[in-house]
PDB file of N, CA and C in Angstrom:
ATOM      1  N   MET A   1     124.403 156.155  70.781  1.00  0.00           N
ATOM      2  CA  MET A   1     123.349 156.647  71.604  1.00  0.00           C
ATOM      3  C   MET A   1     122.656 155.504  72.343  1.00  0.00           C
ATOM      4  N   LYS A   2     122.356 154.416  71.644  1.00  0.00           N
ATOM      5  CA  LYS A   2     121.721 153.266  72.279  1.00  0.00           C
ATOM      6  C   LYS A   2     122.641 152.656  73.327  1.00  0.00           C
ATOM      7  N   LEU A   3     123.919 152.655  73.059  1.00  0.00           N
ATOM      8  CA  LEU A   3     124.881 152.085  73.989  1.00  0.00           C
ATOM      9  C   LEU A   3     124.872 152.855  75.302  1.00  0.00           C
ATOM     10  N   LYS A   4     124.816 154.197  75.225  1.00  0.00           N
ATOM     11  CA  LYS A   4     124.776 155.016  76.430  1.00  0.00           C
ATOM     12  C   LYS A   4     123.504 154.765  77.225  1.00  0.00           C
ATOM     13  N   LEU A   5     122.402 154.584  76.522  1.00  0.00           N
ATOM     14  CA  LEU A   5     121.120 154.336  77.177  1.00  0.00           C
ATOM     15  C   LEU A   5     121.141 152.981  77.905  1.00  0.00           C
ATOM     16  N   ILE A   6     121.702 151.971  77.283  1.00  0.00           N
ATOM     17  CA  ILE A   6     121.796 150.634  77.889  1.00  0.00           C
ATOM     18  C   ILE A   6     122.705 150.682  79.117  1.00  0.00           C
ATOM     19  N   LEU A   7     123.853 151.380  79.003  1.00  0.00           N
ATOM     20  CA  LEU A   7     124.771 151.498  80.135  1.00  0.00           C
ATOM     21  C   LEU A   7     124.129 152.238  81.305  1.00  0.00           C
ATOM     22  N   ALA A   8     123.379 153.260  81.034  1.00  0.00           N
ATOM     23  CA  ALA A   8     122.713 154.018  82.091  1.00  0.00           C
ATOM     24  C   ALA A   8     121.667 153.152  82.795  1.00  0.00           C
ATOM     25  N   ALA A   9     120.935 152.345  82.037  1.00  0.00           N
ATOM     26  CA  ALA A   9     119.929 151.459  82.624  1.00  0.00           C
ATOM     27  C   ALA A   9     120.571 150.397  83.500  1.00  0.00           C
ATOM     28  N   MET A  10     121.719 149.886  83.068  1.00  0.00           N
ATOM     29  CA  MET A  10     122.428 148.868  83.844  1.00  0.00           C
ATOM     30  C   MET A  10     122.959 149.449  85.150  1.00  0.00           C
ATOM     31  N   ILE A  11     123.507 150.664  85.077  1.00  0.00           N
ATOM     32  CA  ILE A  11     124.023 151.319  86.279  1.00  0.00           C
ATOM     33  C   ILE A  11     122.889 151.574  87.274  1.00  0.00           C
ATOM     34  N   ALA A  12     121.747 151.992  86.776  1.00  0.00           N
ATOM     35  CA  ALA A  12     120.593 152.241  87.645  1.00  0.00           C
ATOM     36  C   ALA A  12     120.135 150.942  88.306  1.00  0.00           C
ATOM     37  N   ALA A  13     120.103 149.860  87.560  1.00  0.00           N
ATOM     38  CA  ALA A  13     119.670 148.580  88.109  1.00  0.00           C
ATOM     39  C   ALA A  13     120.625 148.089  89.185  1.00  0.00           C
ATOM     40  N   VAL A  14     121.917 148.239  88.948  1.00  0.00           N
ATOM     41  CA  VAL A  14     122.920 147.811  89.929  1.00  0.00           C
ATOM     42  C   VAL A  14     122.810 148.639  91.203  1.00  0.00           C
ATOM     43  N   SER A  15     122.586 149.927  91.068  1.00  0.00           N
ATOM     44  CA  SER A  15     122.483 150.776  92.257  1.00  0.00           C
ATOM     45  C   SER A  15     121.236 150.439  93.070  1.00  0.00           C
ATOM     46  N   VAL A  16     120.136 150.096  92.404  1.00  0.00           N
ATOM     47  CA  VAL A  16     118.913 149.699  93.112  1.00  0.00           C
ATOM     48  C   VAL A  16     119.150 148.404  93.883  1.00  0.00           C
ATOM     49  N   MET A  17     119.840 147.452  93.272  1.00  0.00           N
ATOM     50  CA  MET A  17     120.141 146.181  93.942  1.00  0.00           C
ATOM     51  C   MET A  17     121.056 146.394  95.138  1.00  0.00           C
ATOM     52  N   ALA A  18     122.013 147.274  95.010  1.00  0.00           N
ATOM     53  CA  ALA A  18     122.937 147.539  96.107  1.00  0.00           C
ATOM     54  C   ALA A  18     122.206 148.158  97.287  1.00  0.00           C
ATOM     55  N   GLN A  19     121.273 149.049  97.027  1.00  0.00           N
ATOM     56  CA  GLN A  19     120.506 149.665  98.110  1.00  0.00           C
ATOM     57  C   GLN A  19     119.612 148.648  98.811  1.00  0.00           C
ATOM     58  N   ALA A  20     119.054 147.707  98.064  1.00  0.00           N
ATOM     59  CA  ALA A  20     118.190 146.689  98.652  1.00  0.00           C
ATOM     60  C   ALA A  20     118.986 145.793  99.583  1.00  0.00           C
ATOM     61  N   GLN A  21     120.227 145.492  99.232  1.00  0.00           N
ATOM     62  CA  GLN A  21     121.067 144.645 100.079  1.00  0.00           C
ATOM     63  C   GLN A  21     121.474 145.360 101.358  1.00  0.00           C
ATOM     64  N   THR A  22     121.770 146.625 101.284  1.00  0.00           N
ATOM     65  CA  THR A  22     122.182 147.357 102.485  1.00  0.00           C
ATOM     66  C   THR A  22     121.002 147.575 103.422  1.00  0.00           C
ATOM     67  N   ALA A  23     119.788 147.631 102.905  1.00  0.00           N
ATOM     68  CA  ALA A  23     118.614 147.801 103.761  1.00  0.00           C
ATOM     69  C   ALA A  23     118.336 146.521 104.553  1.00  0.00           C
ATOM     70  N   ALA A  24     118.650 145.363 104.002  1.00  0.00           N
ATOM     71  CA  ALA A  24     118.412 144.091 104.679  1.00  0.00           C
ATOM     72  C   ALA A  24     119.528 143.741 105.646  1.00  0.00           C
ATOM     73  N   ALA A  25     120.659 144.376 105.565  1.00  0.00           N
ATOM     74  CA  ALA A  25     121.811 144.046 106.402  1.00  0.00           C
ATOM     75  C   ALA A  25     121.559 144.230 107.900  1.00  0.00           C
ATOM     76  N   PRO A  26     120.882 145.268 108.380  1.00  0.00           N
ATOM     77  CA  PRO A  26     120.676 145.406 109.825  1.00  0.00           C
ATOM     78  C   PRO A  26     119.857 144.265 110.425  1.00  0.00           C
ATOM     79  N   ALA A  27     118.935 143.712 109.676  1.00  0.00           N
ATOM     80  CA  ALA A  27     118.135 142.608 110.184  1.00  0.00           C
ATOM     81  C   ALA A  27     118.981 141.358 110.372  1.00  0.00           C
ATOM     82  N   ALA A  28     119.997 141.199 109.558  1.00  0.00           N
ATOM     83  CA  ALA A  28     120.849 140.023 109.638  1.00  0.00           C
ATOM     84  C   ALA A  28     122.023 140.228 110.571  1.00  0.00           C
ATOM     85  N   SER A  29     122.103 141.365 111.218  1.00  0.00           N
ATOM     86  CA  SER A  29     123.271 141.655 112.041  1.00  0.00           C
ATOM     87  C   SER A  29     123.230 140.969 113.403  1.00  0.00           C
ATOM     88  N   ALA A  30     122.114 140.367 113.786  1.00  0.00           N
ATOM     89  CA  ALA A  30     122.046 139.670 115.072  1.00  0.00           C
ATOM     90  C   ALA A  30     122.991 138.482 115.042  1.00  0.00           C
ATOM     91  N   ALA A  31     123.754 138.359 116.087  1.00  0.00           N
ATOM     92  CA  ALA A  31     124.743 137.277 116.143  1.00  0.00           C
ATOM     93  C   ALA A  31     124.040 135.935 116.293  1.00  0.00           C
ATOM     94  N   ARG A  32     124.681 134.913 115.804  1.00  0.00           N
ATOM     95  CA  ARG A  32     124.130 133.557 115.876  1.00  0.00           C
ATOM     96  C   ARG A  32     123.910 133.147 117.331  1.00  0.00           C
ATOM     97  N   ALA A  33     124.843 133.500 118.184  1.00  0.00           N
ATOM     98  CA  ALA A  33     124.723 133.145 119.597  1.00  0.00           C
ATOM     99  C   ALA A  33     123.494 133.797 120.228  1.00  0.00           C
ATOM    100  N   ASP A  34     123.199 135.045 119.832  1.00  0.00           N
ATOM    101  CA  ASP A  34     122.022 135.727 120.361  1.00  0.00           C
ATOM    102  C   ASP A  34     120.732 135.022 119.943  1.00  0.00           C
ATOM    103  N   VAL A  35     120.682 134.632 118.691  1.00  0.00           N
ATOM    104  CA  VAL A  35     119.497 133.955 118.169  1.00  0.00           C
ATOM    105  C   VAL A  35     119.298 132.617 118.876  1.00  0.00           C
ATOM    106  N   LYS A  36     120.399 131.885 119.077  1.00  0.00           N
ATOM    107  CA  LYS A  36     120.301 130.589 119.747  1.00  0.00           C
ATOM    108  C   LYS A  36     119.844 130.761 121.195  1.00  0.00           C
ATOM    109  N   ALA A  37     120.340 131.800 121.852  1.00  0.00           N
ATOM    110  CA  ALA A  37     119.948 132.049 123.238  1.00  0.00           C
ATOM    111  C   ALA A  37     118.460 132.395 123.321  1.00  0.00           C
ATOM    112  N   GLU A  38     117.971 133.199 122.383  1.00  0.00           N
ATOM    113  CA  GLU A  38     116.555 133.553 122.364  1.00  0.00           C
ATOM    114  C   GLU A  38     115.693 132.306 122.135  1.00  0.00           C
ATOM    115  N   ALA A  39     116.116 131.449 121.226  1.00  0.00           N
ATOM    116  CA  ALA A  39     115.359 130.240 120.928  1.00  0.00           C
ATOM    117  C   ALA A  39     115.323 129.316 122.139  1.00  0.00           C
ATOM    118  N   LYS A  40     116.441 129.199 122.828  1.00  0.00           N
ATOM    119  CA  LYS A  40     116.507 128.334 124.007  1.00  0.00           C
ATOM    120  C   LYS A  40     115.592 128.861 125.106  1.00  0.00           C
ATOM    121  N   ALA A  41     115.592 130.172 125.305  1.00  0.00           N
ATOM    122  CA  ALA A  41     114.742 130.774 126.322  1.00  0.00           C
ATOM    123  C   ALA A  41     113.262 130.585 125.966  1.00  0.00           C
ATOM    124  N   ALA A  42     112.925 130.719 124.697  1.00  0.00           N
ATOM    125  CA  ALA A  42     111.540 130.535 124.262  1.00  0.00           C
ATOM    126  C   ALA A  42     111.108 129.085 124.444  1.00  0.00           C
ATOM    127  N   ALA A  43     112.016 128.152 124.193  1.00  0.00           N
ATOM    128  CA  ALA A  43     111.691 126.732 124.358  1.00  0.00           C
ATOM    129  C   ALA A  43     111.431 126.410 125.827  1.00  0.00           C
ATOM    130  N   LYS A  44     112.226 126.983 126.715  1.00  0.00           N
ATOM    131  CA  LYS A  44     112.030 126.741 128.151  1.00  0.00           C
ATOM    132  C   LYS A  44     110.705 127.321 128.621  1.00  0.00           C
ATOM    133  N   ALA A  45     110.342 128.473 128.077  1.00  0.00           N
ATOM    134  CA  ALA A  45     109.105 129.131 128.481  1.00  0.00           C
ATOM    135  C   ALA A  45     107.880 128.507 127.818  1.00  0.00           C
ATOM    136  N   GLY A  46     108.089 127.608 126.866  1.00  0.00           N
ATOM    137  CA  GLY A  46     106.982 126.951 126.175  1.00  0.00           C
ATOM    138  C   GLY A  46     106.337 127.818 125.125  1.00  0.00           C
ATOM    139  N   GLU A  47     107.062 128.754 124.589  1.00  0.00           N
ATOM    140  CA  GLU A  47     106.509 129.689 123.610  1.00  0.00           C
ATOM    141  C   GLU A  47     106.764 129.265 122.162  1.00  0.00           C
ATOM    142  N   THR A  48     107.342 128.105 121.957  1.00  0.00           N
ATOM    143  CA  THR A  48     107.646 127.676 120.594  1.00  0.00           C
ATOM    144  C   THR A  48     106.535 126.791 120.066  1.00  0.00           C
ATOM    145  N   LYS A  49     106.393 126.769 118.758  1.00  0.00           N
ATOM    146  CA  LYS A  49     105.415 125.911 118.111  1.00  0.00           C
ATOM    147  C   LYS A  49     106.050 124.547 117.889  1.00  0.00           C
ATOM    148  N   GLY A  50     105.249 123.565 117.549  1.00  0.00           N
ATOM    149  CA  GLY A  50     105.748 122.227 117.281  1.00  0.00           C
ATOM    150  C   GLY A  50     106.728 122.222 116.124  1.00  0.00           C
ATOM    151  N   GLY A  51     107.801 121.500 116.266  1.00  0.00           N
ATOM    152  CA  GLY A  51     108.780 121.387 115.198  1.00  0.00           C
ATOM    153  C   GLY A  51     109.908 122.380 115.298  1.00  0.00           C
ATOM    154  N   GLU A  52     109.841 123.310 116.237  1.00  0.00           N
ATOM    155  CA  GLU A  52     110.904 124.295 116.359  1.00  0.00           C
ATOM    156  C   GLU A  52     111.984 123.871 117.341  1.00  0.00           C
ATOM    157  N   THR A  53     111.742 122.841 118.101  1.00  0.00           N
ATOM    158  CA  THR A  53     112.731 122.366 119.064  1.00  0.00           C
ATOM    159  C   THR A  53     112.956 120.886 118.872  1.00  0.00           C
ATOM    160  N   ALA A  54     113.964 120.370 119.519  1.00  0.00           N
ATOM    161  CA  ALA A  54     114.257 118.946 119.437  1.00  0.00           C
ATOM    162  C   ALA A  54     113.187 118.164 120.191  1.00  0.00           C
ATOM    163  N   ALA A  55     112.998 116.932 119.812  1.00  0.00           N
ATOM    164  CA  ALA A  55     112.009 116.090 120.465  1.00  0.00           C
ATOM    165  C   ALA A  55     112.442 115.823 121.903  1.00  0.00           C
ATOM    166  N   PRO A  56     111.506 115.783 122.827  1.00  0.00           N
ATOM    167  CA  PRO A  56     111.870 115.535 124.211  1.00  0.00           C
ATOM    168  C   PRO A  56     112.419 114.114 124.376  1.00  0.00           C
ATOM    169  N   THR A  57     113.371 113.986 125.238  1.00  0.00           N
ATOM    170  CA  THR A  57     113.962 112.669 125.463  1.00  0.00           C
ATOM    171  C   THR A  57     113.055 111.870 126.383  1.00  0.00           C
ATOM    172  N   VAL A  58     112.954 110.587 126.123  1.00  0.00           N
ATOM    173  CA  VAL A  58     112.114 109.697 126.907  1.00  0.00           C
ATOM    174  C   VAL A  58     113.020 108.793 127.719  1.00  0.00           C
ATOM    175  N   ASP A  59     112.774 108.737 129.006  1.00  0.00           N
ATOM    176  CA  ASP A  59     113.573 107.862 129.860  1.00  0.00           C
ATOM    177  C   ASP A  59     113.147 106.420 129.629  1.00  0.00           C
ATOM    178  N   LYS A  60     114.119 105.557 129.446  1.00  0.00           N
ATOM    179  CA  LYS A  60     113.810 104.152 129.264  1.00  0.00           C
ATOM    180  C   LYS A  60     113.530 103.536 130.631  1.00  0.00           C
ATOM    181  N   THR A  61     112.447 102.807 130.710  1.00  0.00           N
ATOM    182  CA  THR A  61     112.108 102.168 131.971  1.00  0.00           C
ATOM    183  C   THR A  61     112.782 100.811 132.038  1.00  0.00           C
ATOM    184  N   LYS A  62     113.233 100.475 133.206  1.00  0.00           N
ATOM    185  CA  LYS A  62     113.892  99.185 133.390  1.00  0.00           C
ATOM    186  C   LYS A  62     112.872  98.171 133.875  1.00  0.00           C
ATOM    187  N   SER A  63     113.101  96.936 133.550  1.00  0.00           N
ATOM    188  CA  SER A  63     112.209  95.871 133.959  1.00  0.00           C
ATOM    189  C   SER A  63     112.344  95.633 135.459  1.00  0.00           C
ATOM    190  N   THR A  64     111.240  95.247 136.067  1.00  0.00           N
ATOM    191  CA  THR A  64     111.272  94.963 137.503  1.00  0.00           C
ATOM    192  C   THR A  64     111.558  93.486 137.759  1.00  0.00           C
ATOM    193  N   LYS A  65     111.557  92.670 136.715  1.00  0.00           N
ATOM    194  CA  LYS A  65     111.802  91.236 136.868  1.00  0.00           C
ATOM    195  C   LYS A  65     113.255  90.923 136.539  1.00  0.00           C
ATOM    196  N   ALA A  66     113.758  89.887 137.156  1.00  0.00           N
ATOM    197  CA  ALA A  66     115.110  89.427 136.859  1.00  0.00           C
ATOM    198  C   ALA A  66     115.096  88.694 135.518  1.00  0.00           C
ATOM    199  N   ARG A  67     116.219  88.676 134.860  1.00  0.00           N
ATOM    200  CA  ARG A  67     116.325  88.031 133.549  1.00  0.00           C
ATOM    201  C   ARG A  67     115.955  86.557 133.637  1.00  0.00           C
ATOM    202  N   ALA A  68     116.398  85.890 134.691  1.00  0.00           N
ATOM    203  CA  ALA A  68     116.104  84.466 134.846  1.00  0.00           C
ATOM    204  C   ALA A  68     114.594  84.230 134.965  1.00  0.00           C
ATOM    205  N   ASP A  69     113.888  85.131 135.659  1.00  0.00           N
ATOM    206  CA  ASP A  69     112.436  84.987 135.793  1.00  0.00           C
ATOM    207  C   ASP A  69     111.737  85.137 134.444  1.00  0.00           C
ATOM    208  N   VAL A  70     112.171  86.104 133.663  1.00  0.00           N
ATOM    209  CA  VAL A  70     111.569  86.335 132.345  1.00  0.00           C
ATOM    210  C   VAL A  70     111.816  85.135 131.441  1.00  0.00           C
ATOM    211  N   LYS A  71     113.023  84.602 131.485  1.00  0.00           N
ATOM    212  CA  LYS A  71     113.346  83.441 130.653  1.00  0.00           C
ATOM    213  C   LYS A  71     112.513  82.228 131.063  1.00  0.00           C
ATOM    214  N   ALA A  72     112.318  82.059 132.374  1.00  0.00           N
ATOM    215  CA  ALA A  72     111.518  80.934 132.856  1.00  0.00           C
ATOM    216  C   ALA A  72     110.060  81.077 132.408  1.00  0.00           C
ATOM    217  N   GLU A  73     109.520  82.289 132.457  1.00  0.00           N
ATOM    218  CA  GLU A  73     108.151  82.525 132.000  1.00  0.00           C
ATOM    219  C   GLU A  73     108.007  82.249 130.505  1.00  0.00           C
ATOM    220  N   ALA A  74     108.993  82.670 129.738  1.00  0.00           N
ATOM    221  CA  ALA A  74     108.950  82.446 128.286  1.00  0.00           C
ATOM    222  C   ALA A  74     109.015  80.957 127.968  1.00  0.00           C
ATOM    223  N   LYS A  75     109.849  80.240 128.705  1.00  0.00           N
ATOM    224  CA  LYS A  75     109.981  78.804 128.481  1.00  0.00           C
ATOM    225  C   LYS A  75     108.664  78.093 128.806  1.00  0.00           C
ATOM    226  N   GLU A  76     108.026  78.500 129.899  1.00  0.00           N
ATOM    227  CA  GLU A  76     106.757  77.911 130.297  1.00  0.00           C
ATOM    228  C   GLU A  76     105.667  78.224 129.271  1.00  0.00           C
ATOM    229  N   ALA A  77     105.640  79.452 128.766  1.00  0.00           N
ATOM    230  CA  ALA A  77     104.647  79.837 127.761  1.00  0.00           C
ATOM    231  C   ALA A  77     104.850  79.051 126.475  1.00  0.00           C
ATOM    232  N   THR A  78     106.081  78.790 126.130  1.00  0.00           N
ATOM    233  CA  THR A  78     106.361  78.007 124.927  1.00  0.00           C
ATOM    234  C   THR A  78     105.865  76.581 125.095  1.00  0.00           C
ATOM    235  N   LYS A  79     106.073  76.012 126.291  1.00  0.00           N
ATOM    236  CA  LYS A  79     105.622  74.642 126.553  1.00  0.00           C
ATOM    237  C   LYS A  79     104.107  74.528 126.474  1.00  0.00           C
ATOM    238  N   THR A  80     103.399  75.514 127.013  1.00  0.00           N
ATOM    239  CA  THR A  80     101.940  75.454 127.029  1.00  0.00           C
ATOM    240  C   THR A  80     101.305  75.944 125.732  1.00  0.00           C
ATOM    241  N   GLY A  81     102.106  76.498 124.835  1.00  0.00           N
ATOM    242  CA  GLY A  81     101.591  76.962 123.552  1.00  0.00           C
ATOM    243  C   GLY A  81     101.033  78.372 123.600  1.00  0.00           C
ATOM    244  N   GLU A  82     101.350  79.134 124.633  1.00  0.00           N
ATOM    245  CA  GLU A  82     100.839  80.496 124.767  1.00  0.00           C
ATOM    246  C   GLU A  82     101.780  81.547 124.174  1.00  0.00           C
ATOM    247  N   ALA A  83     102.962  81.170 123.774  1.00  0.00           N
ATOM    248  CA  ALA A  83     103.942  82.133 123.256  1.00  0.00           C
ATOM    249  C   ALA A  83     103.624  82.468 121.808  1.00  0.00           C
ATOM    250  N   HIS A  84     103.795  83.740 121.437  1.00  0.00           N
ATOM    251  CA  HIS A  84     103.630  84.174 120.047  1.00  0.00           C
ATOM    252  C   HIS A  84     104.733  85.134 119.683  1.00  0.00           C
ATOM    253  N   ASP A  85     104.795  85.488 118.399  1.00  0.00           N
ATOM    254  CA  ASP A  85     105.852  86.354 117.886  1.00  0.00           C
ATOM    255  C   ASP A  85     105.588  87.805 118.234  1.00  0.00           C
ATOM    256  N   ALA A  86     106.493  88.432 118.917  1.00  0.00           N
ATOM    257  CA  ALA A  86     106.530  89.884 119.160  1.00  0.00           C
ATOM    258  C   ALA A  86     105.175  90.500 119.484  1.00  0.00           C
ATOM    259  N   GLY A  87     104.441  89.893 120.376  1.00  0.00           N
ATOM    260  CA  GLY A  87     103.196  90.470 120.831  1.00  0.00           C
ATOM    261  C   GLY A  87     102.022  90.273 119.900  1.00  0.00           C
ATOM    262  N   VAL A  88     102.199  89.515 118.845  1.00  0.00           N
ATOM    263  CA  VAL A  88     101.113  89.282 117.898  1.00  0.00           C
ATOM    264  C   VAL A  88     100.495  87.935 118.223  1.00  0.00           C
ATOM    265  N   ALA A  89      99.205  87.906 118.415  1.00  0.00           N
ATOM    266  CA  ALA A  89      98.521  86.659 118.720  1.00  0.00           C
ATOM    267  C   ALA A  89      98.458  85.806 117.461  1.00  0.00           C
ATOM    268  N   ALA A  90      99.113  84.678 117.506  1.00  0.00           N
ATOM    269  CA  ALA A  90      99.135  83.787 116.361  1.00  0.00           C
ATOM    270  C   ALA A  90      97.972  82.807 116.470  1.00  0.00           C
ATOM    271  N   PRO A  91      97.214  82.633 115.407  1.00  0.00           N
ATOM    272  CA  PRO A  91      96.111  81.675 115.457  1.00  0.00           C
ATOM    273  C   PRO A  91      96.658  80.250 115.517  1.00  0.00           C
ATOM    274  N   LYS A  92      95.946  79.411 116.224  1.00  0.00           N
ATOM    275  CA  LYS A  92      96.375  78.015 116.323  1.00  0.00           C
ATOM    276  C   LYS A  92      96.097  77.333 114.987  1.00  0.00           C
ATOM    277  N   PRO A  93      97.085  76.616 114.466  1.00  0.00           N
ATOM    278  CA  PRO A  93      96.883  75.967 113.171  1.00  0.00           C
ATOM    279  C   PRO A  93      95.849  74.852 113.280  1.00  0.00           C
ATOM    280  N   ALA A  94      94.994  74.761 112.284  1.00  0.00           N
ATOM    281  CA  ALA A  94      93.981  73.716 112.242  1.00  0.00           C
ATOM    282  C   ALA A  94      94.630  72.410 111.818  1.00  0.00           C
ATOM    283  N   LYS A  95      94.142  71.318 112.392  1.00  0.00           N
ATOM    284  CA  LYS A  95      94.689  70.017 112.027  1.00  0.00           C
ATOM    285  C   LYS A  95      94.213  69.645 110.633  1.00  0.00           C
ATOM    286  N   LYS A  96      95.148  69.223 109.822  1.00  0.00           N
ATOM    287  CA  LYS A  96      94.808  68.846 108.461  1.00  0.00           C
ATOM    288  C   LYS A  96      94.372  67.384 108.445  1.00  0.00           C
ATOM    289  N   SER A  97      93.325  67.127 107.728  1.00  0.00           N
ATOM    290  CA  SER A  97      92.909  65.744 107.570  1.00  0.00           C
ATOM    291  C   SER A  97      93.646  65.187 106.364  1.00  0.00           C
ATOM    292  N   LYS A  98      94.174  64.014 106.558  1.00  0.00           N
ATOM    293  CA  LYS A  98      94.915  63.391 105.462  1.00  0.00           C
ATOM    294  C   LYS A  98      93.931  62.683 104.543  1.00  0.00           C
ATOM    295  N   SER A  99      94.076  62.946 103.265  1.00  0.00           N
ATOM    296  CA  SER A  99      93.195  62.292 102.304  1.00  0.00           C
ATOM    297  C   SER A  99      93.767  60.925 101.964  1.00  0.00           C
ATOM    298  N   THR A 100      92.883  60.036 101.692  1.00  0.00           N
ATOM    299  CA  THR A 100      93.304  58.680 101.335  1.00  0.00           C
ATOM    300  C   THR A 100      93.190  58.506  99.823  1.00  0.00           C
ATOM    301  N   LYS A 101      93.732  57.437  99.364  1.00  0.00           N
ATOM    302  CA  LYS A 101      93.680  57.161  97.923  1.00  0.00           C
ATOM    303  C   LYS A 101      92.242  56.934  97.472  1.00  0.00           C
ATOM    304  N   GLU A 102      91.428  56.345  98.343  1.00  0.00           N
ATOM    305  CA  GLU A 102      90.033  56.075  97.994  1.00  0.00           C
ATOM    306  C   GLU A 102      89.262  57.389  97.832  1.00  0.00           C
ATOM    307  N   GLU A 103      89.499  58.336  98.747  1.00  0.00           N
ATOM    308  CA  GLU A 103      88.816  59.624  98.656  1.00  0.00           C
ATOM    309  C   GLU A 103      89.239  60.365  97.400  1.00  0.00           C
ATOM    310  N   ARG A 104      90.508  60.290  97.090  1.00  0.00           N
ATOM    311  CA  ARG A 104      91.027  60.968  95.900  1.00  0.00           C
ATOM    312  C   ARG A 104      90.402  60.383  94.641  1.00  0.00           C
ATOM    313  N   ALA A 105      90.300  59.054  94.603  1.00  0.00           N
ATOM    314  CA  ALA A 105      89.706  58.388  93.440  1.00  0.00           C
ATOM    315  C   ALA A 105      88.229  58.768  93.307  1.00  0.00           C
ATOM    316  N   LYS A 106      87.544  58.891  94.447  1.00  0.00           N
ATOM    317  CA  LYS A 106      86.137  59.252  94.431  1.00  0.00           C
ATOM    318  C   LYS A 106      85.943  60.665  93.863  1.00  0.00           C
ATOM    319  N   VAL A 107      86.786  61.603  94.293  1.00  0.00           N
ATOM    320  CA  VAL A 107      86.699  62.983  93.815  1.00  0.00           C
ATOM    321  C   VAL A 107      86.993  63.046  92.318  1.00  0.00           C
ATOM    322  N   LYS A 108      87.993  62.295  91.885  1.00  0.00           N
ATOM    323  CA  LYS A 108      88.336  62.294  90.461  1.00  0.00           C
ATOM    324  C   LYS A 108      87.189  61.741  89.618  1.00  0.00           C
ATOM    325  N   ALA A 109      86.537  60.698  90.138  1.00  0.00           N
ATOM    326  CA  ALA A 109      85.419  60.097  89.399  1.00  0.00           C
ATOM    327  C   ALA A 109      84.260  61.083  89.292  1.00  0.00           C
ATOM    328  N   GLU A 110      83.988  61.816  90.381  1.00  0.00           N
ATOM    329  CA  GLU A 110      82.918  62.808  90.343  1.00  0.00           C
ATOM    330  C   GLU A 110      83.224  63.918  89.333  1.00  0.00           C
ATOM    331  N   ALA A 111      84.478  64.348  89.285  1.00  0.00           N
ATOM    332  CA  ALA A 111      84.868  65.401  88.355  1.00  0.00           C
ATOM    333  C   ALA A 111      84.742  64.926  86.917  1.00  0.00           C
ATOM    334  N   LYS A 112      85.132  63.684  86.683  1.00  0.00           N
ATOM    335  CA  LYS A 112      85.049  63.135  85.329  1.00  0.00           C
ATOM    336  C   LYS A 112      83.593  63.036  84.877  1.00  0.00           C
ATOM    337  N   ALA A 113      82.719  62.594  85.796  1.00  0.00           N
ATOM    338  CA  ALA A 113      81.300  62.469  85.465  1.00  0.00           C
ATOM    339  C   ALA A 113      80.692  63.844  85.197  1.00  0.00           C
ATOM    340  N   ALA A 114      81.080  64.849  85.959  1.00  0.00           N
ATOM    341  CA  ALA A 114      80.557  66.196  85.754  1.00  0.00           C
ATOM    342  C   ALA A 114      81.032  66.758  84.428  1.00  0.00           C
ATOM    343  N   ALA A 115      82.253  66.446  84.035  1.00  0.00           N
ATOM    344  CA  ALA A 115      82.781  66.916  82.755  1.00  0.00           C
ATOM    345  C   ALA A 115      82.026  66.276  81.593  1.00  0.00           C
ATOM    346  N   LYS A 116      81.716  64.987  81.722  1.00  0.00           N
ATOM    347  CA  LYS A 116      80.980  64.303  80.652  1.00  0.00           C
ATOM    348  C   LYS A 116      79.557  64.844  80.528  1.00  0.00           C
ATOM    349  N   ALA A 117      78.969  65.182  81.665  1.00  0.00           N
ATOM    350  CA  ALA A 117      77.591  65.670  81.655  1.00  0.00           C
ATOM    351  C   ALA A 117      77.514  67.136  81.246  1.00  0.00           C
ATOM    352  N   GLY A 118      78.658  67.797  81.142  1.00  0.00           N
ATOM    353  CA  GLY A 118      78.684  69.192  80.731  1.00  0.00           C
ATOM    354  C   GLY A 118      78.359  70.146  81.869  1.00  0.00           C
ATOM    355  N   GLU A 119      78.552  69.720  83.083  1.00  0.00           N
ATOM    356  CA  GLU A 119      78.230  70.548  84.242  1.00  0.00           C
ATOM    357  C   GLU A 119      79.389  71.443  84.686  1.00  0.00           C
ATOM    358  N   THR A 120      80.515  71.357  84.038  1.00  0.00           N
ATOM    359  CA  THR A 120      81.665  72.182  84.436  1.00  0.00           C
ATOM    360  C   THR A 120      81.801  73.369  83.510  1.00  0.00           C
ATOM    361  N   LYS A 121      82.409  74.421  84.030  1.00  0.00           N
ATOM    362  CA  LYS A 121      82.640  75.621  83.231  1.00  0.00           C
ATOM    363  C   LYS A 121      83.957  75.482  82.481  1.00  0.00           C
ATOM    364  N   ALA A 122      84.214  76.430  81.596  1.00  0.00           N
ATOM    365  CA  ALA A 122      85.448  76.401  80.815  1.00  0.00           C
ATOM    366  C   ALA A 122      86.646  76.486  81.758  1.00  0.00           C
ATOM    367  N   GLY A 123      87.625  75.660  81.500  1.00  0.00           N
ATOM    368  CA  GLY A 123      88.849  75.676  82.316  1.00  0.00           C
ATOM    369  C   GLY A 123      88.776  74.724  83.495  1.00  0.00           C
ATOM    370  N   GLU A 124      87.624  74.078  83.712  1.00  0.00           N
ATOM    371  CA  GLU A 124      87.482  73.177  84.839  1.00  0.00           C
ATOM    372  C   GLU A 124      87.389  71.733  84.402  1.00  0.00           C
ATOM    373  N   THR A 125      87.650  71.438  83.164  1.00  0.00           N
ATOM    374  CA  THR A 125      87.490  70.067  82.684  1.00  0.00           C
ATOM    375  C   THR A 125      88.665  69.213  83.118  1.00  0.00           C
ATOM    376  N   ALA A 126      88.412  67.931  83.339  1.00  0.00           N
ATOM    377  CA  ALA A 126      89.463  66.992  83.718  1.00  0.00           C
ATOM    378  C   ALA A 126      90.139  66.478  82.451  1.00  0.00           C
ATOM    379  N   LYS A 127      91.396  66.184  82.548  1.00  0.00           N
ATOM    380  CA  LYS A 127      92.138  65.685  81.381  1.00  0.00           C
ATOM    381  C   LYS A 127      92.383  64.216  81.501  1.00  0.00           C
TER     382      LYS A 127
END
């Protein structure tokens, strides 16, 4: 008896699923070519939302200067120090002052005196 009840329930479930699939079939019957044609027409008319069409192509602009002129300008900019990397303004490097042995000895003596006087924090003591 239970077996018959289970079989009847399964048959009912399968028939419900089959009916649901046949009801959706007419909506899917539009040919791919028809859908593509509708989409193309909508894109031309401007009726599509963003992301539904391909990105517009951008025409590349050509330079109005000759290659030799551009190279000459770049060479001149390099000579005068005006050239930088890929449009980024590079800061001019500061001139480093060279320390002498006397200055180094003076700094070391000051550090040693500060360490003896206890004026330095932990980790700053001279060895």
